[in-house]
PDB file of all heavy atoms in Angstrom:
ATOM      1  N   ASN A   1       0.810  -1.249   0.035  1.00  0.00           N
ATOM      2  CA  ASN A   1      -0.034   0.000   0.039  1.00  0.00           C
ATOM      3  C   ASN A   1       0.821   1.294   0.043  1.00  0.00           C
ATOM      4  O   ASN A   1       0.384   2.300   0.376  1.00  0.00           O
ATOM      5  CB  ASN A   1      -0.888  -0.032   1.191  1.00  0.00           C
ATOM      6  CG  ASN A   1      -2.060  -1.027   1.029  1.00  0.00           C
ATOM      7  OD1 ASN A   1      -2.988  -0.801   0.285  1.00  0.00           O
ATOM      8  ND2 ASN A   1      -1.890  -2.194   1.694  1.00  0.00           N
ATOM      9  N   ARG A   2       2.127   1.125  -0.390  1.00  0.00           N
ATOM     10  CA  ARG A   2       3.090   2.240  -0.557  1.00  0.00           C
ATOM     11  C   ARG A   2       3.232   3.045   0.736  1.00  0.00           C
ATOM     12  O   ARG A   2       3.339   4.230   0.748  1.00  0.00           O
ATOM     13  CB  ARG A   2       2.602   3.210  -1.698  1.00  0.00           C
ATOM     14  CG  ARG A   2       2.515   2.451  -3.033  1.00  0.00           C
ATOM     15  CD  ARG A   2       2.009   3.362  -4.145  1.00  0.00           C
ATOM     16  NE  ARG A   2       3.160   3.936  -4.919  1.00  0.00           N
ATOM     17  CZ  ARG A   2       3.761   3.331  -5.928  1.00  0.00           C
ATOM     18  NH1 ARG A   2       3.414   2.091  -6.296  1.00  0.00           N
ATOM     19  NH2 ARG A   2       4.736   3.846  -6.562  1.00  0.00           N
ATOM     20  N   ARG A   3       3.346   2.237   1.835  1.00  0.00           N
ATOM     21  CA  ARG A   3       3.685   2.831   3.142  1.00  0.00           C
ATOM     22  C   ARG A   3       4.973   2.190   3.566  1.00  0.00           C
ATOM     23  O   ARG A   3       5.097   0.956   3.669  1.00  0.00           O
ATOM     24  CB  ARG A   3       2.591   2.516   4.171  1.00  0.00           C
ATOM     25  CG  ARG A   3       1.259   3.105   3.880  1.00  0.00           C
ATOM     26  CD  ARG A   3       0.207   2.869   5.008  1.00  0.00           C
ATOM     27  NE  ARG A   3       0.032   1.487   5.357  1.00  0.00           N
ATOM     28  CZ  ARG A   3      -0.993   0.737   4.983  1.00  0.00           C
ATOM     29  NH1 ARG A   3      -2.007   1.313   4.262  1.00  0.00           N
ATOM     30  NH2 ARG A   3      -1.137  -0.529   5.313  1.00  0.00           N
ATOM     31  N   PHE A   4       5.969   3.043   3.882  1.00  0.00           N
ATOM     32  CA  PHE A   4       7.239   2.481   4.308  1.00  0.00           C
ATOM     33  C   PHE A   4       7.400   2.662   5.803  1.00  0.00           C
ATOM     34  O   PHE A   4       7.445   3.804   6.311  1.00  0.00           O
ATOM     35  CB  PHE A   4       8.489   3.077   3.571  1.00  0.00           C
ATOM     36  CG  PHE A   4       9.692   2.263   3.820  1.00  0.00           C
ATOM     37  CD1 PHE A   4       9.959   1.127   3.072  1.00  0.00           C
ATOM     38  CD2 PHE A   4      10.592   2.658   4.775  1.00  0.00           C
ATOM     39  CE1 PHE A   4      11.053   0.345   3.405  1.00  0.00           C
ATOM     40  CE2 PHE A   4      11.680   1.879   5.116  1.00  0.00           C
ATOM     41  CZ  PHE A   4      12.005   0.762   4.419  1.00  0.00           C
ATOM     42  N   PRO A   5       7.587   1.537   6.544  1.00  0.00           N
ATOM     43  CA  PRO A   5       7.682   1.643   7.954  1.00  0.00           C
ATOM     44  C   PRO A   5       9.107   2.119   8.377  1.00  0.00           C
ATOM     45  O   PRO A   5      10.072   1.618   7.949  1.00  0.00           O
ATOM     46  CB  PRO A   5       7.440   0.215   8.482  1.00  0.00           C
ATOM     47  CG  PRO A   5       6.907  -0.523   7.282  1.00  0.00           C
ATOM     48  CD  PRO A   5       7.486   0.184   6.098  1.00  0.00           C
ATOM     49  N   VAL A   6       9.148   3.143   9.254  1.00  0.00           N
ATOM     50  CA  VAL A   6      10.406   3.642   9.752  1.00  0.00           C
ATOM     51  C   VAL A   6      10.348   3.601  11.296  1.00  0.00           C
ATOM     52  O   VAL A   6       9.488   4.114  11.894  1.00  0.00           O
ATOM     53  CB  VAL A   6      10.674   5.119   9.295  1.00  0.00           C
ATOM     54  CG1 VAL A   6      11.896   5.646   9.915  1.00  0.00           C
ATOM     55  CG2 VAL A   6      10.794   5.204   7.774  1.00  0.00           C
ATOM     56  N   THR A   7      11.344   2.892  11.851  1.00  0.00           N
ATOM     57  CA  THR A   7      11.452   2.877  13.320  1.00  0.00           C
ATOM     58  C   THR A   7      11.691   4.248  13.860  1.00  0.00           C
ATOM     59  O   THR A   7      12.525   4.979  13.406  1.00  0.00           O
ATOM     60  CB  THR A   7      12.652   1.930  13.764  1.00  0.00           C
ATOM     61  OG1 THR A   7      12.498   0.656  13.059  1.00  0.00           O
ATOM     62  CG2 THR A   7      12.732   1.734  15.225  1.00  0.00           C
ATOM     63  N   TRP A   8      10.883   4.629  14.877  1.00  0.00           N
ATOM     64  CA  TRP A   8      10.957   5.990  15.369  1.00  0.00           C
ATOM     65  C   TRP A   8      12.188   6.307  16.197  1.00  0.00           C
ATOM     66  O   TRP A   8      12.652   7.445  16.208  1.00  0.00           O
ATOM     67  CB  TRP A   8       9.725   6.363  16.192  1.00  0.00           C
ATOM     68  CG  TRP A   8       9.666   5.733  17.548  1.00  0.00           C
ATOM     69  CD1 TRP A   8       9.107   4.552  17.916  1.00  0.00           C
ATOM     70  CD2 TRP A   8      10.221   6.249  18.745  1.00  0.00           C
ATOM     71  NE1 TRP A   8       9.287   4.353  19.209  1.00  0.00           N
ATOM     72  CE2 TRP A   8       9.928   5.366  19.779  1.00  0.00           C
ATOM     73  CE3 TRP A   8      10.981   7.407  19.072  1.00  0.00           C
ATOM     74  CZ2 TRP A   8      10.329   5.517  21.129  1.00  0.00           C
ATOM     75  CZ3 TRP A   8      11.332   7.616  20.392  1.00  0.00           C
ATOM     76  CH2 TRP A   8      11.069   6.705  21.359  1.00  0.00           C
ATOM     77  N   TRP A   9      12.791   5.324  16.836  1.00  0.00           N
ATOM     78  CA  TRP A   9      13.904   5.551  17.702  1.00  0.00           C
ATOM     79  C   TRP A   9      15.258   5.337  17.039  1.00  0.00           C
ATOM     80  O   TRP A   9      15.419   4.550  16.078  1.00  0.00           O
ATOM     81  CB  TRP A   9      13.833   4.668  19.027  1.00  0.00           C
ATOM     82  CG  TRP A   9      13.613   3.242  18.807  1.00  0.00           C
ATOM     83  CD1 TRP A   9      12.445   2.573  18.814  1.00  0.00           C
ATOM     84  CD2 TRP A   9      14.598   2.231  18.611  1.00  0.00           C
ATOM     85  NE1 TRP A   9      12.649   1.229  18.578  1.00  0.00           N
ATOM     86  CE2 TRP A   9      13.978   0.969  18.430  1.00  0.00           C
ATOM     87  CE3 TRP A   9      16.019   2.242  18.466  1.00  0.00           C
ATOM     88  CZ2 TRP A   9      14.629  -0.246  18.231  1.00  0.00           C
ATOM     89  CZ3 TRP A   9      16.676   1.061  18.308  1.00  0.00           C
ATOM     90  CH2 TRP A   9      15.989  -0.108  18.150  1.00  0.00           C
ATOM     91  N   ILE A  10      16.341   6.000  17.501  1.00  0.00           N
ATOM     92  CA  ILE A  10      17.624   5.895  16.925  1.00  0.00           C
ATOM     93  C   ILE A  10      18.629   5.179  17.933  1.00  0.00           C
ATOM     94  O   ILE A  10      18.412   5.274  19.141  1.00  0.00           O
ATOM     95  CB  ILE A  10      18.150   7.300  16.516  1.00  0.00           C
ATOM     96  CG1 ILE A  10      19.321   7.189  15.563  1.00  0.00           C
ATOM     97  CG2 ILE A  10      18.509   8.155  17.759  1.00  0.00           C
ATOM     98  CD1 ILE A  10      19.672   8.463  14.815  1.00  0.00           C
ATOM     99  N   ARG A  11      19.640   4.606  17.395  1.00  0.00           N
ATOM    100  CA  ARG A  11      20.528   3.851  18.274  1.00  0.00           C
ATOM    101  C   ARG A  11      21.271   4.788  19.245  1.00  0.00           C
ATOM    102  O   ARG A  11      21.318   5.953  19.075  1.00  0.00           O
ATOM    103  CB  ARG A  11      21.573   3.147  17.364  1.00  0.00           C
ATOM    104  CG  ARG A  11      22.538   4.061  16.585  1.00  0.00           C
ATOM    105  CD  ARG A  11      23.320   3.367  15.552  1.00  0.00           C
ATOM    106  NE  ARG A  11      22.421   3.085  14.385  1.00  0.00           N
ATOM    107  CZ  ARG A  11      22.835   2.416  13.363  1.00  0.00           C
ATOM    108  NH1 ARG A  11      24.135   2.026  13.186  1.00  0.00           N
ATOM    109  NH2 ARG A  11      21.959   2.156  12.345  1.00  0.00           N
ATOM    110  N   ARG A  12      21.873   4.141  20.260  1.00  0.00           N
ATOM    111  CA  ARG A  12      22.565   4.869  21.295  1.00  0.00           C
ATOM    112  C   ARG A  12      24.012   5.136  20.761  1.00  0.00           C
ATOM    113  O   ARG A  12      24.512   4.554  19.828  1.00  0.00           O
ATOM    114  CB  ARG A  12      22.682   4.072  22.535  1.00  0.00           C
ATOM    115  CG  ARG A  12      21.340   3.698  23.126  1.00  0.00           C
ATOM    116  CD  ARG A  12      21.493   2.990  24.510  1.00  0.00           C
ATOM    117  NE  ARG A  12      22.425   1.856  24.403  1.00  0.00           N
ATOM    118  CZ  ARG A  12      22.024   0.587  24.233  1.00  0.00           C
ATOM    119  NH1 ARG A  12      20.720   0.381  24.059  1.00  0.00           N
ATOM    120  NH2 ARG A  12      22.845  -0.381  24.150  1.00  0.00           N
ATOM    121  N   PRO A  13      24.735   6.109  21.434  1.00  0.00           N
ATOM    122  CA  PRO A  13      26.113   6.365  20.970  1.00  0.00           C
ATOM    123  C   PRO A  13      26.999   5.150  21.049  1.00  0.00           C
ATOM    124  O   PRO A  13      27.913   5.115  20.116  1.00  0.00           O
ATOM    125  CB  PRO A  13      26.588   7.448  22.013  1.00  0.00           C
ATOM    126  CG  PRO A  13      25.349   8.103  22.376  1.00  0.00           C
ATOM    127  CD  PRO A  13      24.215   7.067  22.439  1.00  0.00           C
ATOM    128  N   ASP A  14      26.822   4.241  21.884  1.00  0.00           N
ATOM    129  CA  ASP A  14      27.686   3.044  21.999  1.00  0.00           C
ATOM    130  C   ASP A  14      27.350   2.034  20.881  1.00  0.00           C
ATOM    131  O   ASP A  14      28.008   0.977  20.794  1.00  0.00           O
ATOM    132  CB  ASP A  14      27.629   2.376  23.353  1.00  0.00           C
ATOM    133  CG  ASP A  14      26.195   1.914  23.671  1.00  0.00           C
ATOM    134  OD1 ASP A  14      25.262   2.709  23.663  1.00  0.00           O
ATOM    135  OD2 ASP A  14      26.062   0.704  23.951  1.00  0.00           O
ATOM    136  N   GLN A  15      26.286   2.313  20.140  1.00  0.00           N
ATOM    137  CA  GLN A  15      25.924   1.451  19.029  1.00  0.00           C
ATOM    138  C   GLN A  15      26.193   1.997  17.625  1.00  0.00           C
ATOM    139  O   GLN A  15      25.598   1.523  16.629  1.00  0.00           O
ATOM    140  CB  GLN A  15      24.397   1.107  19.142  1.00  0.00           C
ATOM    141  CG  GLN A  15      24.012   0.400  20.440  1.00  0.00           C
ATOM    142  CD  GLN A  15      22.481   0.293  20.631  1.00  0.00           C
ATOM    143  OE1 GLN A  15      21.798   1.281  20.414  1.00  0.00           O
ATOM    144  NE2 GLN A  15      21.991  -0.897  20.996  1.00  0.00           N
ATOM    145  N   LEU A  16      27.018   3.006  17.565  1.00  0.00           N
ATOM    146  CA  LEU A  16      27.267   3.683  16.323  1.00  0.00           C
ATOM    147  C   LEU A  16      27.693   2.747  15.152  1.00  0.00           C
ATOM    148  O   LEU A  16      27.268   2.842  14.025  1.00  0.00           O
ATOM    149  CB  LEU A  16      28.278   4.809  16.424  1.00  0.00           C
ATOM    150  CG  LEU A  16      27.876   6.098  17.127  1.00  0.00           C
ATOM    151  CD1 LEU A  16      29.080   7.034  17.149  1.00  0.00           C
ATOM    152  CD2 LEU A  16      26.707   6.773  16.452  1.00  0.00           C
ATOM    153  N   ASP A  17      28.514   1.786  15.518  1.00  0.00           N
ATOM    154  CA  ASP A  17      29.123   0.942  14.434  1.00  0.00           C
ATOM    155  C   ASP A  17      28.320  -0.326  14.173  1.00  0.00           C
ATOM    156  O   ASP A  17      28.527  -0.945  13.118  1.00  0.00           O
ATOM    157  CB  ASP A  17      30.620   0.553  14.811  1.00  0.00           C
ATOM    158  CG  ASP A  17      31.507   1.791  14.729  1.00  0.00           C
ATOM    159  OD1 ASP A  17      31.263   2.687  13.882  1.00  0.00           O
ATOM    160  OD2 ASP A  17      32.361   1.925  15.587  1.00  0.00           O
ATOM    161  N   TYR A  18      27.478  -0.707  15.124  1.00  0.00           N
ATOM    162  CA  TYR A  18      26.709  -2.001  14.802  1.00  0.00           C
ATOM    163  C   TYR A  18      25.434  -1.942  15.666  1.00  0.00           C
ATOM    164  O   TYR A  18      25.492  -1.674  16.906  1.00  0.00           O
ATOM    165  CB  TYR A  18      27.528  -3.159  15.132  1.00  0.00           C
ATOM    166  CG  TYR A  18      26.739  -4.461  14.886  1.00  0.00           C
ATOM    167  CD1 TYR A  18      26.530  -4.898  13.671  1.00  0.00           C
ATOM    168  CD2 TYR A  18      26.250  -5.202  15.965  1.00  0.00           C
ATOM    169  CE1 TYR A  18      25.713  -6.086  13.371  1.00  0.00           C
ATOM    170  CE2 TYR A  18      25.461  -6.372  15.816  1.00  0.00           C
ATOM    171  CZ  TYR A  18      25.273  -6.754  14.494  1.00  0.00           C
ATOM    172  OH  TYR A  18      24.516  -7.934  14.231  1.00  0.00           O
ATOM    173  N   LEU A  19      24.356  -2.357  15.053  1.00  0.00           N
ATOM    174  CA  LEU A  19      23.104  -2.634  15.745  1.00  0.00           C
ATOM    175  C   LEU A  19      22.455  -3.831  15.055  1.00  0.00           C
ATOM    176  O   LEU A  19      22.504  -3.981  13.869  1.00  0.00           O
ATOM    177  CB  LEU A  19      22.164  -1.408  15.574  1.00  0.00           C
ATOM    178  CG  LEU A  19      20.898  -1.389  16.415  1.00  0.00           C
ATOM    179  CD1 LEU A  19      21.217  -1.286  17.910  1.00  0.00           C
ATOM    180  CD2 LEU A  19      20.022  -0.165  16.016  1.00  0.00           C
ATOM    181  N   SER A  20      21.942  -4.717  15.886  1.00  0.00           N
ATOM    182  CA  SER A  20      21.411  -6.033  15.295  1.00  0.00           C
ATOM    183  C   SER A  20      20.089  -5.926  14.626  1.00  0.00           C
ATOM    184  O   SER A  20      19.624  -6.876  14.064  1.00  0.00           O
ATOM    185  CB  SER A  20      21.359  -7.073  16.452  1.00  0.00           C
ATOM    186  OG  SER A  20      20.400  -6.667  17.438  1.00  0.00           O
ATOM    187  N   GLU A  21      19.422  -4.788  14.697  1.00  0.00           N
ATOM    188  CA  GLU A  21      18.119  -4.589  14.127  1.00  0.00           C
ATOM    189  C   GLU A  21      17.967  -3.173  13.562  1.00  0.00           C
ATOM    190  O   GLU A  21      18.762  -2.300  13.811  1.00  0.00           O
ATOM    191  CB  GLU A  21      17.036  -4.782  15.221  1.00  0.00           C
ATOM    192  CG  GLU A  21      17.209  -3.842  16.439  1.00  0.00           C
ATOM    193  CD  GLU A  21      16.497  -4.361  17.638  1.00  0.00           C
ATOM    194  OE1 GLU A  21      15.341  -4.796  17.500  1.00  0.00           O
ATOM    195  OE2 GLU A  21      17.110  -4.418  18.706  1.00  0.00           O
ATOM    196  N   PRO A  22      16.962  -3.021  12.709  1.00  0.00           N
ATOM    197  CA  PRO A  22      16.824  -1.627  12.027  1.00  0.00           C
ATOM    198  C   PRO A  22      16.434  -0.626  13.045  1.00  0.00           C
ATOM    199  O   PRO A  22      15.642  -0.842  13.984  1.00  0.00           O
ATOM    200  CB  PRO A  22      15.672  -1.924  11.064  1.00  0.00           C
ATOM    201  CG  PRO A  22      15.600  -3.423  10.821  1.00  0.00           C
ATOM    202  CD  PRO A  22      16.010  -3.971  12.179  1.00  0.00           C
ATOM    203  N   ASP A  23      17.078   0.591  12.959  1.00  0.00           N
ATOM    204  CA  ASP A  23      16.656   1.754  13.758  1.00  0.00           C
ATOM    205  C   ASP A  23      16.289   2.855  12.778  1.00  0.00           C
ATOM    206  O   ASP A  23      16.268   2.692  11.535  1.00  0.00           O
ATOM    207  CB  ASP A  23      17.727   2.150  14.756  1.00  0.00           C
ATOM    208  CG  ASP A  23      18.922   2.778  14.082  1.00  0.00           C
ATOM    209  OD1 ASP A  23      19.227   2.445  12.860  1.00  0.00           O
ATOM    210  OD2 ASP A  23      19.642   3.532  14.660  1.00  0.00           O
ATOM    211  N   LEU A  24      16.053   4.104  13.326  1.00  0.00           N
ATOM    212  CA  LEU A  24      15.691   5.206  12.487  1.00  0.00           C
ATOM    213  C   LEU A  24      16.709   5.504  11.413  1.00  0.00           C
ATOM    214  O   LEU A  24      16.433   5.789  10.259  1.00  0.00           O
ATOM    215  CB  LEU A  24      15.398   6.452  13.340  1.00  0.00           C
ATOM    216  CG  LEU A  24      14.959   7.708  12.655  1.00  0.00           C
ATOM    217  CD1 LEU A  24      13.896   8.452  13.555  1.00  0.00           C
ATOM    218  CD2 LEU A  24      16.111   8.574  12.304  1.00  0.00           C
ATOM    219  N   PHE A  25      17.982   5.389  11.822  1.00  0.00           N
ATOM    220  CA  PHE A  25      19.035   5.784  10.829  1.00  0.00           C
ATOM    221  C   PHE A  25      19.069   4.801   9.636  1.00  0.00           C
ATOM    222  O   PHE A  25      19.103   5.164   8.515  1.00  0.00           O
ATOM    223  CB  PHE A  25      20.433   5.800  11.486  1.00  0.00           C
ATOM    224  CG  PHE A  25      21.526   6.237  10.518  1.00  0.00           C
ATOM    225  CD1 PHE A  25      21.585   7.564  10.162  1.00  0.00           C
ATOM    226  CD2 PHE A  25      22.371   5.335   9.945  1.00  0.00           C
ATOM    227  CE1 PHE A  25      22.548   8.022   9.241  1.00  0.00           C
ATOM    228  CE2 PHE A  25      23.325   5.746   9.015  1.00  0.00           C
ATOM    229  CZ  PHE A  25      23.413   7.086   8.712  1.00  0.00           C
ATOM    230  N   HIS A  26      19.012   3.515   9.955  1.00  0.00           N
ATOM    231  CA  HIS A  26      19.037   2.464   8.896  1.00  0.00           C
ATOM    232  C   HIS A  26      17.798   2.709   7.982  1.00  0.00           C
ATOM    233  O   HIS A  26      17.891   2.685   6.769  1.00  0.00           O
ATOM    234  CB  HIS A  26      18.986   1.128   9.457  1.00  0.00           C
ATOM    235  CG  HIS A  26      18.704   0.035   8.509  1.00  0.00           C
ATOM    236  ND1 HIS A  26      19.711  -0.507   7.689  1.00  0.00           N
ATOM    237  CD2 HIS A  26      17.555  -0.557   8.044  1.00  0.00           C
ATOM    238  CE1 HIS A  26      19.141  -1.409   6.831  1.00  0.00           C
ATOM    239  NE2 HIS A  26      17.851  -1.436   7.058  1.00  0.00           N
ATOM    240  N   ASP A  27      16.648   2.812   8.617  1.00  0.00           N
ATOM    241  CA  ASP A  27      15.389   2.919   7.796  1.00  0.00           C
ATOM    242  C   ASP A  27      15.344   4.205   7.016  1.00  0.00           C
ATOM    243  O   ASP A  27      15.012   4.148   5.793  1.00  0.00           O
ATOM    244  CB  ASP A  27      14.187   2.846   8.756  1.00  0.00           C
ATOM    245  CG  ASP A  27      13.993   1.451   9.355  1.00  0.00           C
ATOM    246  OD1 ASP A  27      14.543   0.452   8.820  1.00  0.00           O
ATOM    247  OD2 ASP A  27      13.252   1.396  10.328  1.00  0.00           O
ATOM    248  N   LEU A  28      15.632   5.262   7.625  1.00  0.00           N
ATOM    249  CA  LEU A  28      15.403   6.603   6.989  1.00  0.00           C
ATOM    250  C   LEU A  28      16.566   6.950   6.106  1.00  0.00           C
ATOM    251  O   LEU A  28      16.315   7.316   4.872  1.00  0.00           O
ATOM    252  CB  LEU A  28      15.218   7.654   8.003  1.00  0.00           C
ATOM    253  CG  LEU A  28      14.739   9.065   7.573  1.00  0.00           C
ATOM    254  CD1 LEU A  28      13.439   8.951   6.752  1.00  0.00           C
ATOM    255  CD2 LEU A  28      14.496   9.994   8.771  1.00  0.00           C
ATOM    256  N   PHE A  29      17.791   6.876   6.540  1.00  0.00           N
ATOM    257  CA  PHE A  29      18.873   7.169   5.714  1.00  0.00           C
ATOM    258  C   PHE A  29      19.090   6.157   4.620  1.00  0.00           C
ATOM    259  O   PHE A  29      19.356   6.480   3.438  1.00  0.00           O
ATOM    260  CB  PHE A  29      20.199   7.274   6.545  1.00  0.00           C
ATOM    261  CG  PHE A  29      21.432   7.651   5.844  1.00  0.00           C
ATOM    262  CD1 PHE A  29      21.894   8.957   5.815  1.00  0.00           C
ATOM    263  CD2 PHE A  29      22.179   6.678   5.150  1.00  0.00           C
ATOM    264  CE1 PHE A  29      23.023   9.290   5.109  1.00  0.00           C
ATOM    265  CE2 PHE A  29      23.349   6.987   4.500  1.00  0.00           C
ATOM    266  CZ  PHE A  29      23.813   8.349   4.432  1.00  0.00           C
ATOM    267  N   GLY A  30      18.983   4.872   4.954  1.00  0.00           N
ATOM    268  CA  GLY A  30      19.270   3.781   4.097  1.00  0.00           C
ATOM    269  C   GLY A  30      18.228   3.489   3.005  1.00  0.00           C
ATOM    270  O   GLY A  30      18.523   3.303   1.771  1.00  0.00           O
ATOM    271  N   HIS A  31      16.923   3.467   3.418  1.00  0.00           N
ATOM    272  CA  HIS A  31      15.876   3.024   2.505  1.00  0.00           C
ATOM    273  C   HIS A  31      15.191   4.105   1.750  1.00  0.00           C
ATOM    274  O   HIS A  31      14.785   3.900   0.582  1.00  0.00           O
ATOM    275  CB  HIS A  31      14.824   2.263   3.362  1.00  0.00           C
ATOM    276  CG  HIS A  31      15.122   0.857   3.677  1.00  0.00           C
ATOM    277  ND1 HIS A  31      15.131  -0.189   2.725  1.00  0.00           N
ATOM    278  CD2 HIS A  31      15.515   0.287   4.852  1.00  0.00           C
ATOM    279  CE1 HIS A  31      15.465  -1.288   3.284  1.00  0.00           C
ATOM    280  NE2 HIS A  31      15.704  -1.045   4.609  1.00  0.00           N
ATOM    281  N   VAL A  32      14.986   5.240   2.376  1.00  0.00           N
ATOM    282  CA  VAL A  32      13.959   6.180   1.838  1.00  0.00           C
ATOM    283  C   VAL A  32      14.444   6.919   0.584  1.00  0.00           C
ATOM    284  O   VAL A  32      13.536   7.189  -0.278  1.00  0.00           O
ATOM    285  CB  VAL A  32      13.552   7.156   2.942  1.00  0.00           C
ATOM    286  CG1 VAL A  32      12.637   8.225   2.426  1.00  0.00           C
ATOM    287  CG2 VAL A  32      12.850   6.405   4.058  1.00  0.00           C
ATOM    288  N   PRO A  33      15.672   7.333   0.368  1.00  0.00           N
ATOM    289  CA  PRO A  33      15.973   8.101  -0.784  1.00  0.00           C
ATOM    290  C   PRO A  33      15.582   7.400  -2.143  1.00  0.00           C
ATOM    291  O   PRO A  33      15.119   8.133  -3.053  1.00  0.00           O
ATOM    292  CB  PRO A  33      17.523   8.266  -0.702  1.00  0.00           C
ATOM    293  CG  PRO A  33      17.771   8.331   0.810  1.00  0.00           C
ATOM    294  CD  PRO A  33      16.786   7.308   1.340  1.00  0.00           C
ATOM    295  N   LEU A  34      15.715   6.069  -2.212  1.00  0.00           N
ATOM    296  CA  LEU A  34      15.420   5.450  -3.512  1.00  0.00           C
ATOM    297  C   LEU A  34      13.922   5.326  -3.706  1.00  0.00           C
ATOM    298  O   LEU A  34      13.474   5.106  -4.838  1.00  0.00           O
ATOM    299  CB  LEU A  34      16.026   4.036  -3.580  1.00  0.00           C
ATOM    300  CG  LEU A  34      17.521   4.069  -3.884  1.00  0.00           C
ATOM    301  CD1 LEU A  34      18.035   2.638  -4.018  1.00  0.00           C
ATOM    302  CD2 LEU A  34      17.838   4.785  -5.185  1.00  0.00           C
ATOM    303  N   LEU A  35      13.093   5.592  -2.650  1.00  0.00           N
ATOM    304  CA  LEU A  35      11.645   5.622  -2.908  1.00  0.00           C
ATOM    305  C   LEU A  35      11.184   6.831  -3.651  1.00  0.00           C
ATOM    306  O   LEU A  35      10.041   6.947  -4.056  1.00  0.00           O
ATOM    307  CB  LEU A  35      10.948   5.569  -1.513  1.00  0.00           C
ATOM    308  CG  LEU A  35      11.014   4.242  -0.771  1.00  0.00           C
ATOM    309  CD1 LEU A  35      10.308   4.389   0.598  1.00  0.00           C
ATOM    310  CD2 LEU A  35      10.415   3.066  -1.551  1.00  0.00           C
TER     311      LEU A  35
END
């Protein structure tokens, strides 16, 4: 239905280099521009 889910919360400073699940940065920065 052309709705892209974006996680509202962002990782903590100690998780800058790795997070095991999608957060706001991954979803918004990574996915959205190509839409």
